[in-house]
All heavy atoms as atom14 arrays in JSON, in Angstrom:
{
  "sequence": "EEFAAVLRRVADRVGRRAVLVPLDDASAVAVARLRGELTDGY",
  "atom14_mask": [
    [1, 1, 1, 1, 1, 1, 1, 1, 1, 0, 0, 0, 0, 0],
    [1, 1, 1, 1, 1, 1, 1, 1, 1, 0, 0, 0, 0, 0],
    [1, 1, 1, 1, 1, 1, 1, 1, 1, 1, 1, 0, 0, 0],
    [1, 1, 1, 1, 1, 0, 0, 0, 0, 0, 0, 0, 0, 0],
    [1, 1, 1, 1, 1, 0, 0, 0, 0, 0, 0, 0, 0, 0],
    [1, 1, 1, 1, 1, 1, 1, 0, 0, 0, 0, 0, 0, 0],
    [1, 1, 1, 1, 1, 1, 1, 1, 0, 0, 0, 0, 0, 0],
    [1, 1, 1, 1, 1, 1, 1, 1, 1, 1, 1, 0, 0, 0],
    [1, 1, 1, 1, 1, 1, 1, 1, 1, 1, 1, 0, 0, 0],
    [1, 1, 1, 1, 1, 1, 1, 0, 0, 0, 0, 0, 0, 0],
    [1, 1, 1, 1, 1, 0, 0, 0, 0, 0, 0, 0, 0, 0],
    [1, 1, 1, 1, 1, 1, 1, 1, 0, 0, 0, 0, 0, 0],
    [1, 1, 1, 1, 1, 1, 1, 1, 1, 1, 1, 0, 0, 0],
    [1, 1, 1, 1, 1, 1, 1, 0, 0, 0, 0, 0, 0, 0],
    [1, 1, 1, 1, 0, 0, 0, 0, 0, 0, 0, 0, 0, 0],
    [1, 1, 1, 1, 1, 1, 1, 1, 1, 1, 1, 0, 0, 0],
    [1, 1, 1, 1, 1, 1, 1, 1, 1, 1, 1, 0, 0, 0],
    [1, 1, 1, 1, 1, 0, 0, 0, 0, 0, 0, 0, 0, 0],
    [1, 1, 1, 1, 1, 1, 1, 0, 0, 0, 0, 0, 0, 0],
    [1, 1, 1, 1, 1, 1, 1, 1, 0, 0, 0, 0, 0, 0],
    [1, 1, 1, 1, 1, 1, 1, 0, 0, 0, 0, 0, 0, 0],
    [1, 1, 1, 1, 1, 1, 1, 0, 0, 0, 0, 0, 0, 0],
    [1, 1, 1, 1, 1, 1, 1, 1, 0, 0, 0, 0, 0, 0],
    [1, 1, 1, 1, 1, 1, 1, 1, 0, 0, 0, 0, 0, 0],
    [1, 1, 1, 1, 1, 1, 1, 1, 0, 0, 0, 0, 0, 0],
    [1, 1, 1, 1, 1, 0, 0, 0, 0, 0, 0, 0, 0, 0],
    [1, 1, 1, 1, 1, 1, 0, 0, 0, 0, 0, 0, 0, 0],
    [1, 1, 1, 1, 1, 0, 0, 0, 0, 0, 0, 0, 0, 0],
    [1, 1, 1, 1, 1, 1, 1, 0, 0, 0, 0, 0, 0, 0],
    [1, 1, 1, 1, 1, 0, 0, 0, 0, 0, 0, 0, 0, 0],
    [1, 1, 1, 1, 1, 1, 1, 0, 0, 0, 0, 0, 0, 0],
    [1, 1, 1, 1, 1, 0, 0, 0, 0, 0, 0, 0, 0, 0],
    [1, 1, 1, 1, 1, 1, 1, 1, 1, 1, 1, 0, 0, 0],
    [1, 1, 1, 1, 1, 1, 1, 1, 0, 0, 0, 0, 0, 0],
    [1, 1, 1, 1, 1, 1, 1, 1, 1, 1, 1, 0, 0, 0],
    [1, 1, 1, 1, 0, 0, 0, 0, 0, 0, 0, 0, 0, 0],
    [1, 1, 1, 1, 1, 1, 1, 1, 1, 0, 0, 0, 0, 0],
    [1, 1, 1, 1, 1, 1, 1, 1, 0, 0, 0, 0, 0, 0],
    [1, 1, 1, 1, 1, 1, 1, 0, 0, 0, 0, 0, 0, 0],
    [1, 1, 1, 1, 1, 1, 1, 1, 0, 0, 0, 0, 0, 0],
    [1, 1, 1, 1, 0, 0, 0, 0, 0, 0, 0, 0, 0, 0],
    [1, 1, 1, 1, 1, 1, 1, 1, 1, 1, 1, 1, 0, 0]
  ],
  "atom14_positions": [
    [[-29.14, 49.38, -4.52], [-28.1, 48.72, -3.74], [-26.86, 48.39, -4.58], [-25.73, 48.37, -4.07], [-28.64, 47.45, -3.06], [-29.26, 46.43, -4.0], [-30.76, 46.6, -4.16], [-31.26, 47.74, -4.0], [-31.43, 45.59, -4.43], [0.0, 0.0, 0.0], [0.0, 0.0, 0.0], [0.0, 0.0, 0.0], [0.0, 0.0, 0.0], [0.0, 0.0, 0.0]],
    [[-27.08, 48.15, -5.89], [-25.94, 47.92, -6.78], [-25.14, 49.2, -6.99], [-23.91, 49.19, -7.02], [-26.42, 47.36, -8.11], [-27.07, 45.98, -8.03], [-27.6, 45.53, -9.38], [-26.78, 45.16, -10.24], [-28.84, 45.57, -9.57], [0.0, 0.0, 0.0], [0.0, 0.0, 0.0], [0.0, 0.0, 0.0], [0.0, 0.0, 0.0], [0.0, 0.0, 0.0]],
    [[-25.85, 50.33, -7.15], [-25.17, 51.62, -7.23], [-24.33, 51.84, -5.98], [-23.16, 52.25, -6.06], [-26.2, 52.75, -7.36], [-26.49, 53.18, -8.76], [-27.54, 52.62, -9.47], [-25.73, 54.15, -9.37], [-27.82, 53.03, -10.76], [-26.0, 54.58, -10.67], [-27.05, 54.01, -11.37], [0.0, 0.0, 0.0], [0.0, 0.0, 0.0], [0.0, 0.0, 0.0]],
    [[-24.93, 51.6, -4.83], [-24.23, 51.83, -3.57], [-22.97, 50.98, -3.46], [-21.91, 51.47, -3.03], [-25.17, 51.56, -2.39], [0.0, 0.0, 0.0], [0.0, 0.0, 0.0], [0.0, 0.0, 0.0], [0.0, 0.0, 0.0], [0.0, 0.0, 0.0], [0.0, 0.0, 0.0], [0.0, 0.0, 0.0], [0.0, 0.0, 0.0], [0.0, 0.0, 0.0]],
    [[-23.06, 49.71, -3.86], [-21.91, 48.81, -3.77], [-20.78, 49.29, -4.67], [-19.6, 49.3, -4.28], [-22.32, 47.39, -4.14], [0.0, 0.0, 0.0], [0.0, 0.0, 0.0], [0.0, 0.0, 0.0], [0.0, 0.0, 0.0], [0.0, 0.0, 0.0], [0.0, 0.0, 0.0], [0.0, 0.0, 0.0], [0.0, 0.0, 0.0], [0.0, 0.0, 0.0]],
    [[-21.12, 49.7, -5.91], [-20.1, 50.2, -6.84], [-19.43, 51.45, -6.29], [-18.2, 51.58, -6.29], [-20.72, 50.48, -8.22], [-19.75, 51.27, -9.1], [-21.1, 49.17, -8.91], [0.0, 0.0, 0.0], [0.0, 0.0, 0.0], [0.0, 0.0, 0.0], [0.0, 0.0, 0.0], [0.0, 0.0, 0.0], [0.0, 0.0, 0.0], [0.0, 0.0, 0.0]],
    [[-20.23, 52.39, -5.79], [-19.67, 53.65, -5.3], [-18.85, 53.47, -4.03], [-17.87, 54.19, -3.81], [-20.8, 54.66, -5.08], [-21.45, 55.16, -6.39], [-22.68, 56.0, -6.09], [-20.45, 55.96, -7.22], [0.0, 0.0, 0.0], [0.0, 0.0, 0.0], [0.0, 0.0, 0.0], [0.0, 0.0, 0.0], [0.0, 0.0, 0.0], [0.0, 0.0, 0.0]],
    [[-19.22, 52.5, -3.2], [-18.4, 52.22, -2.01], [-17.04, 51.66, -2.43], [-16.01, 52.02, -1.84], [-19.13, 51.26, -1.08], [-20.2, 51.94, -0.21], [-20.64, 51.04, 0.93], [-21.41, 49.9, 0.43], [-22.74, 49.88, 0.36], [-23.44, 50.95, 0.74], [-23.38, 48.82, -0.09], [0.0, 0.0, 0.0], [0.0, 0.0, 0.0], [0.0, 0.0, 0.0]],
    [[-17.02, 50.78, -3.45], [-15.75, 50.24, -3.93], [-14.86, 51.35, -4.5], [-13.66, 51.39, -4.25], [-15.99, 49.16, -5.0], [-16.49, 47.84, -4.46], [-16.32, 46.72, -5.47], [-17.1, 46.94, -6.68], [-18.35, 46.51, -6.84], [-18.97, 45.86, -5.85], [-19.01, 46.74, -7.97], [0.0, 0.0, 0.0], [0.0, 0.0, 0.0], [0.0, 0.0, 0.0]],
    [[-15.48, 52.27, -5.26], [-14.7, 53.38, -5.82], [-14.15, 54.26, -4.71], [-12.99, 54.69, -4.75], [-15.57, 54.19, -6.8], [-14.84, 55.47, -7.25], [-15.95, 53.35, -8.02], [0.0, 0.0, 0.0], [0.0, 0.0, 0.0], [0.0, 0.0, 0.0], [0.0, 0.0, 0.0], [0.0, 0.0, 0.0], [0.0, 0.0, 0.0], [0.0, 0.0, 0.0]],
    [[-14.97, 54.54, -3.7], [-14.52, 55.37, -2.58], [-13.32, 54.74, -1.89], [-12.37, 55.44, -1.49], [-15.67, 55.58, -1.59], [0.0, 0.0, 0.0], [0.0, 0.0, 0.0], [0.0, 0.0, 0.0], [0.0, 0.0, 0.0], [0.0, 0.0, 0.0], [0.0, 0.0, 0.0], [0.0, 0.0, 0.0], [0.0, 0.0, 0.0], [0.0, 0.0, 0.0]],
    [[-13.35, 53.42, -1.74], [-12.22, 52.73, -1.11], [-10.95, 52.89, -1.94], [-9.85, 53.06, -1.39], [-12.54, 51.24, -0.94], [-13.6, 50.98, 0.12], [-13.83, 51.89, 0.96], [-14.2, 49.89, 0.13], [0.0, 0.0, 0.0], [0.0, 0.0, 0.0], [0.0, 0.0, 0.0], [0.0, 0.0, 0.0], [0.0, 0.0, 0.0], [0.0, 0.0, 0.0]],
    [[-11.1, 52.85, -3.28], [-9.93, 52.99, -4.14], [-9.4, 54.43, -4.17], [-8.19, 54.65, -4.22], [-10.28, 52.55, -5.56], [-10.53, 51.04, -5.67], [-11.09, 50.66, -7.02], [-11.47, 49.26, -7.06], [-12.21, 48.71, -8.02], [-12.65, 49.47, -9.02], [-12.52, 47.43, -7.98], [0.0, 0.0, 0.0], [0.0, 0.0, 0.0], [0.0, 0.0, 0.0]],
    [[-10.32, 55.38, -4.14], [-9.89, 56.79, -4.13], [-9.17, 57.1, -2.82], [-8.17, 57.83, -2.79], [-11.09, 57.72, -4.34], [-10.7, 59.19, -4.16], [-11.69, 57.5, -5.73], [0.0, 0.0, 0.0], [0.0, 0.0, 0.0], [0.0, 0.0, 0.0], [0.0, 0.0, 0.0], [0.0, 0.0, 0.0], [0.0, 0.0, 0.0], [0.0, 0.0, 0.0]],
    [[-9.66, 56.56, -1.72], [-8.95, 56.66, -0.46], [-9.26, 57.87, 0.39], [-8.76, 57.97, 1.52], [0.0, 0.0, 0.0], [0.0, 0.0, 0.0], [0.0, 0.0, 0.0], [0.0, 0.0, 0.0], [0.0, 0.0, 0.0], [0.0, 0.0, 0.0], [0.0, 0.0, 0.0], [0.0, 0.0, 0.0], [0.0, 0.0, 0.0], [0.0, 0.0, 0.0]],
    [[-10.05, 58.78, -0.09], [-10.45, 59.93, 0.71], [-11.77, 60.47, 0.16], [-12.14, 60.18, -0.96], [-9.38, 61.01, 0.73], [-8.97, 61.56, -0.61], [-7.6, 62.27, -0.45], [-7.23, 63.02, -1.64], [-6.69, 62.48, -2.72], [-6.49, 61.16, -2.79], [-6.35, 63.24, -3.75], [0.0, 0.0, 0.0], [0.0, 0.0, 0.0], [0.0, 0.0, 0.0]],
    [[-12.44, 61.25, 0.99], [-13.77, 61.74, 0.63], [-13.7, 62.6, -0.63], [-12.81, 63.44, -0.77], [-14.34, 62.55, 1.78], [-15.86, 62.54, 1.84], [-16.32, 63.13, 3.15], [-17.77, 63.17, 3.24], [-18.44, 64.11, 3.9], [-17.78, 65.08, 4.52], [-19.75, 64.08, 3.96], [0.0, 0.0, 0.0], [0.0, 0.0, 0.0], [0.0, 0.0, 0.0]],
    [[-14.63, 62.37, -1.55], [-14.6, 63.04, -2.86], [-15.93, 63.71, -3.14], [-16.98, 63.32, -2.6], [-14.29, 62.03, -3.96], [0.0, 0.0, 0.0], [0.0, 0.0, 0.0], [0.0, 0.0, 0.0], [0.0, 0.0, 0.0], [0.0, 0.0, 0.0], [0.0, 0.0, 0.0], [0.0, 0.0, 0.0], [0.0, 0.0, 0.0], [0.0, 0.0, 0.0]],
    [[-15.9, 64.71, -4.03], [-17.13, 65.31, -4.56], [-17.67, 64.37, -5.63], [-16.95, 63.99, -6.55], [-16.85, 66.71, -5.15], [-18.08, 67.23, -5.89], [-16.44, 67.68, -4.05], [0.0, 0.0, 0.0], [0.0, 0.0, 0.0], [0.0, 0.0, 0.0], [0.0, 0.0, 0.0], [0.0, 0.0, 0.0], [0.0, 0.0, 0.0], [0.0, 0.0, 0.0]],
    [[-18.93, 63.98, -5.5], [-19.56, 63.06, -6.45], [-20.43, 63.86, -7.42], [-21.28, 64.64, -7.0], [-20.4, 62.03, -5.7], [-21.11, 60.96, -6.54], [-20.12, 60.16, -7.37], [-21.91, 60.02, -5.63], [0.0, 0.0, 0.0], [0.0, 0.0, 0.0], [0.0, 0.0, 0.0], [0.0, 0.0, 0.0], [0.0, 0.0, 0.0], [0.0, 0.0, 0.0]],
    [[-20.21, 63.64, -8.73], [-20.92, 64.4, -9.77], [-21.64, 63.43, -10.71], [-21.04, 62.87, -11.62], [-19.96, 65.29, -10.58], [-20.75, 66.2, -11.52], [-19.04, 66.09, -9.68], [0.0, 0.0, 0.0], [0.0, 0.0, 0.0], [0.0, 0.0, 0.0], [0.0, 0.0, 0.0], [0.0, 0.0, 0.0], [0.0, 0.0, 0.0], [0.0, 0.0, 0.0]],
    [[-22.95, 63.19, -10.52], [-23.7, 62.37, -11.49], [-23.84, 63.13, -12.8], [-24.12, 64.33, -12.81], [-25.06, 62.18, -10.82], [-24.88, 62.6, -9.39], [-23.79, 63.61, -9.39], [0.0, 0.0, 0.0], [0.0, 0.0, 0.0], [0.0, 0.0, 0.0], [0.0, 0.0, 0.0], [0.0, 0.0, 0.0], [0.0, 0.0, 0.0], [0.0, 0.0, 0.0]],
    [[-23.7, 62.41, -13.92], [-23.73, 63.05, -15.23], [-24.9, 62.59, -16.11], [-25.01, 63.03, -17.25], [-22.41, 62.8, -15.97], [-21.18, 63.47, -15.34], [-19.92, 63.02, -16.05], [-21.3, 64.99, -15.39], [0.0, 0.0, 0.0], [0.0, 0.0, 0.0], [0.0, 0.0, 0.0], [0.0, 0.0, 0.0], [0.0, 0.0, 0.0], [0.0, 0.0, 0.0]],
    [[-25.75, 61.7, -15.6], [-26.96, 61.35, -16.34], [-28.11, 61.2, -15.34], [-27.89, 61.17, -14.12], [-26.77, 60.09, -17.19], [-26.46, 58.85, -16.38], [-26.3, 58.94, -15.15], [-26.35, 57.76, -16.97], [0.0, 0.0, 0.0], [0.0, 0.0, 0.0], [0.0, 0.0, 0.0], [0.0, 0.0, 0.0], [0.0, 0.0, 0.0], [0.0, 0.0, 0.0]],
    [[-29.34, 61.13, -15.84], [-30.5, 61.13, -14.96], [-30.55, 59.89, -14.07], [-30.88, 59.99, -12.88], [-31.79, 61.23, -15.78], [-31.99, 62.62, -16.37], [-31.28, 63.56, -15.97], [-32.85, 62.77, -17.27], [0.0, 0.0, 0.0], [0.0, 0.0, 0.0], [0.0, 0.0, 0.0], [0.0, 0.0, 0.0], [0.0, 0.0, 0.0], [0.0, 0.0, 0.0]],
    [[-30.22, 58.72, -14.63], [-30.26, 57.5, -13.83], [-29.31, 57.61, -12.64], [-29.65, 57.22, -11.51], [-29.89, 56.3, -14.69], [0.0, 0.0, 0.0], [0.0, 0.0, 0.0], [0.0, 0.0, 0.0], [0.0, 0.0, 0.0], [0.0, 0.0, 0.0], [0.0, 0.0, 0.0], [0.0, 0.0, 0.0], [0.0, 0.0, 0.0], [0.0, 0.0, 0.0]],
    [[-28.12, 58.15, -12.87], [-27.15, 58.31, -11.79], [-27.62, 59.35, -10.78], [-27.49, 59.16, -9.56], [-25.79, 58.73, -12.37], [-25.29, 57.76, -13.25], [0.0, 0.0, 0.0], [0.0, 0.0, 0.0], [0.0, 0.0, 0.0], [0.0, 0.0, 0.0], [0.0, 0.0, 0.0], [0.0, 0.0, 0.0], [0.0, 0.0, 0.0], [0.0, 0.0, 0.0]],
    [[-28.17, 60.47, -11.27], [-28.63, 61.52, -10.37], [-29.75, 61.02, -9.47], [-29.78, 61.31, -8.26], [-29.11, 62.72, -11.18], [0.0, 0.0, 0.0], [0.0, 0.0, 0.0], [0.0, 0.0, 0.0], [0.0, 0.0, 0.0], [0.0, 0.0, 0.0], [0.0, 0.0, 0.0], [0.0, 0.0, 0.0], [0.0, 0.0, 0.0], [0.0, 0.0, 0.0]],
    [[-30.68, 60.25, -10.03], [-31.8, 59.71, -9.24], [-31.29, 58.73, -8.2], [-31.68, 58.77, -7.03], [-32.83, 59.06, -10.17], [-33.85, 58.25, -9.38], [-33.54, 60.12, -11.02], [0.0, 0.0, 0.0], [0.0, 0.0, 0.0], [0.0, 0.0, 0.0], [0.0, 0.0, 0.0], [0.0, 0.0, 0.0], [0.0, 0.0, 0.0], [0.0, 0.0, 0.0]],
    [[-30.38, 57.82, -8.61], [-29.86, 56.83, -7.69], [-29.07, 57.47, -6.56], [-29.22, 57.1, -5.38], [-28.98, 55.83, -8.45], [0.0, 0.0, 0.0], [0.0, 0.0, 0.0], [0.0, 0.0, 0.0], [0.0, 0.0, 0.0], [0.0, 0.0, 0.0], [0.0, 0.0, 0.0], [0.0, 0.0, 0.0], [0.0, 0.0, 0.0], [0.0, 0.0, 0.0]],
    [[-28.22, 58.44, -6.88], [-27.41, 59.1, -5.86], [-28.28, 59.86, -4.86], [-28.03, 59.84, -3.65], [-26.37, 60.03, -6.53], [-25.73, 60.96, -5.5], [-25.3, 59.2, -7.23], [0.0, 0.0, 0.0], [0.0, 0.0, 0.0], [0.0, 0.0, 0.0], [0.0, 0.0, 0.0], [0.0, 0.0, 0.0], [0.0, 0.0, 0.0], [0.0, 0.0, 0.0]],
    [[-29.32, 60.52, -5.36], [-30.22, 61.24, -4.44], [-30.91, 60.28, -3.49], [-31.06, 60.57, -2.29], [-31.25, 62.03, -5.25], [0.0, 0.0, 0.0], [0.0, 0.0, 0.0], [0.0, 0.0, 0.0], [0.0, 0.0, 0.0], [0.0, 0.0, 0.0], [0.0, 0.0, 0.0], [0.0, 0.0, 0.0], [0.0, 0.0, 0.0], [0.0, 0.0, 0.0]],
    [[-31.32, 59.13, -3.99], [-31.96, 58.13, -3.13], [-31.0, 57.62, -2.05], [-31.4, 57.32, -0.92], [-32.41, 56.93, -3.97], [-33.64, 57.13, -4.82], [-33.9, 55.84, -5.58], [-35.06, 55.89, -6.45], [-35.39, 54.9, -7.28], [-34.64, 53.81, -7.33], [-36.46, 55.01, -8.06], [0.0, 0.0, 0.0], [0.0, 0.0, 0.0], [0.0, 0.0, 0.0]],
    [[-29.72, 57.5, -2.42], [-28.72, 56.86, -1.56], [-27.91, 57.86, -0.75], [-26.92, 57.48, -0.13], [-27.76, 56.03, -2.43], [-28.37, 54.86, -3.18], [-27.4, 54.35, -4.24], [-28.71, 53.73, -2.2], [0.0, 0.0, 0.0], [0.0, 0.0, 0.0], [0.0, 0.0, 0.0], [0.0, 0.0, 0.0], [0.0, 0.0, 0.0], [0.0, 0.0, 0.0]],
    [[-28.32, 59.11, -0.74], [-27.49, 60.14, -0.13], [-27.04, 59.76, 1.28], [-25.86, 59.91, 1.65], [-28.22, 61.47, -0.1], [-27.34, 62.62, 0.34], [-28.1, 63.94, 0.4], [-27.19, 65.03, 0.7], [-26.71, 65.29, 1.91], [-27.09, 64.54, 2.93], [-25.86, 66.28, 2.1], [0.0, 0.0, 0.0], [0.0, 0.0, 0.0], [0.0, 0.0, 0.0]],
    [[-27.95, 59.27, 2.09], [-27.61, 58.92, 3.48], [-26.56, 57.84, 3.58], [-25.75, 57.83, 4.52], [0.0, 0.0, 0.0], [0.0, 0.0, 0.0], [0.0, 0.0, 0.0], [0.0, 0.0, 0.0], [0.0, 0.0, 0.0], [0.0, 0.0, 0.0], [0.0, 0.0, 0.0], [0.0, 0.0, 0.0], [0.0, 0.0, 0.0], [0.0, 0.0, 0.0]],
    [[-26.54, 56.92, 2.61], [-25.58, 55.82, 2.64], [-24.22, 56.2, 2.06], [-23.24, 55.49, 2.28], [-26.13, 54.62, 1.84], [-27.42, 54.05, 2.38], [-27.91, 52.9, 1.5], [-27.07, 52.08, 1.1], [-29.12, 52.85, 1.22], [0.0, 0.0, 0.0], [0.0, 0.0, 0.0], [0.0, 0.0, 0.0], [0.0, 0.0, 0.0], [0.0, 0.0, 0.0]],
    [[-24.15, 57.3, 1.32], [-22.93, 57.65, 0.61], [-22.11, 58.75, 1.27], [-20.98, 59.02, 0.85], [-23.28, 58.08, -0.82], [-23.94, 57.05, -1.73], [-24.33, 57.66, -3.06], [-23.01, 55.84, -1.94], [0.0, 0.0, 0.0], [0.0, 0.0, 0.0], [0.0, 0.0, 0.0], [0.0, 0.0, 0.0], [0.0, 0.0, 0.0], [0.0, 0.0, 0.0]],
    [[-22.65, 59.4, 2.3], [-21.99, 60.58, 2.84], [-20.66, 60.28, 3.51], [-19.85, 61.19, 3.7], [-22.91, 61.32, 3.82], [-23.43, 60.38, 4.78], [-24.06, 61.98, 3.08], [0.0, 0.0, 0.0], [0.0, 0.0, 0.0], [0.0, 0.0, 0.0], [0.0, 0.0, 0.0], [0.0, 0.0, 0.0], [0.0, 0.0, 0.0], [0.0, 0.0, 0.0]],
    [[-20.4, 59.03, 3.89], [-19.1, 58.72, 4.47], [-17.98, 58.86, 3.44], [-16.85, 59.23, 3.78], [-19.08, 57.28, 5.03], [-19.87, 57.17, 6.33], [-20.17, 58.23, 6.93], [-20.19, 56.04, 6.75], [0.0, 0.0, 0.0], [0.0, 0.0, 0.0], [0.0, 0.0, 0.0], [0.0, 0.0, 0.0], [0.0, 0.0, 0.0], [0.0, 0.0, 0.0]],
    [[-18.29, 58.53, 2.17], [-17.26, 58.56, 1.14], [-17.34, 59.74, 0.19], [-16.38, 60.0, -0.55], [0.0, 0.0, 0.0], [0.0, 0.0, 0.0], [0.0, 0.0, 0.0], [0.0, 0.0, 0.0], [0.0, 0.0, 0.0], [0.0, 0.0, 0.0], [0.0, 0.0, 0.0], [0.0, 0.0, 0.0], [0.0, 0.0, 0.0], [0.0, 0.0, 0.0]],
    [[-18.47, 60.47, 0.22], [-18.67, 61.51, -0.8], [-19.29, 62.76, -0.2], [-20.05, 62.71, 0.77], [-19.58, 60.98, -1.91], [-19.01, 59.81, -2.65], [-19.41, 58.5, -2.34], [-18.06, 59.99, -3.66], [-18.88, 57.42, -3.03], [-17.53, 58.92, -4.34], [-17.94, 57.63, -4.02], [-17.4, 56.56, -4.7], [0.0, 0.0, 0.0], [0.0, 0.0, 0.0]]
  ]
}
């Protein structure tokens, strides 16, 4: 949920849908878990 909150804030600042690229295992695992919650911004 902390990952999701951070990524939602970043999406708001970017202002449009972006390609999200995790660069370490912790990020890749978290993003895969949260895919359904992140598709509006990424």
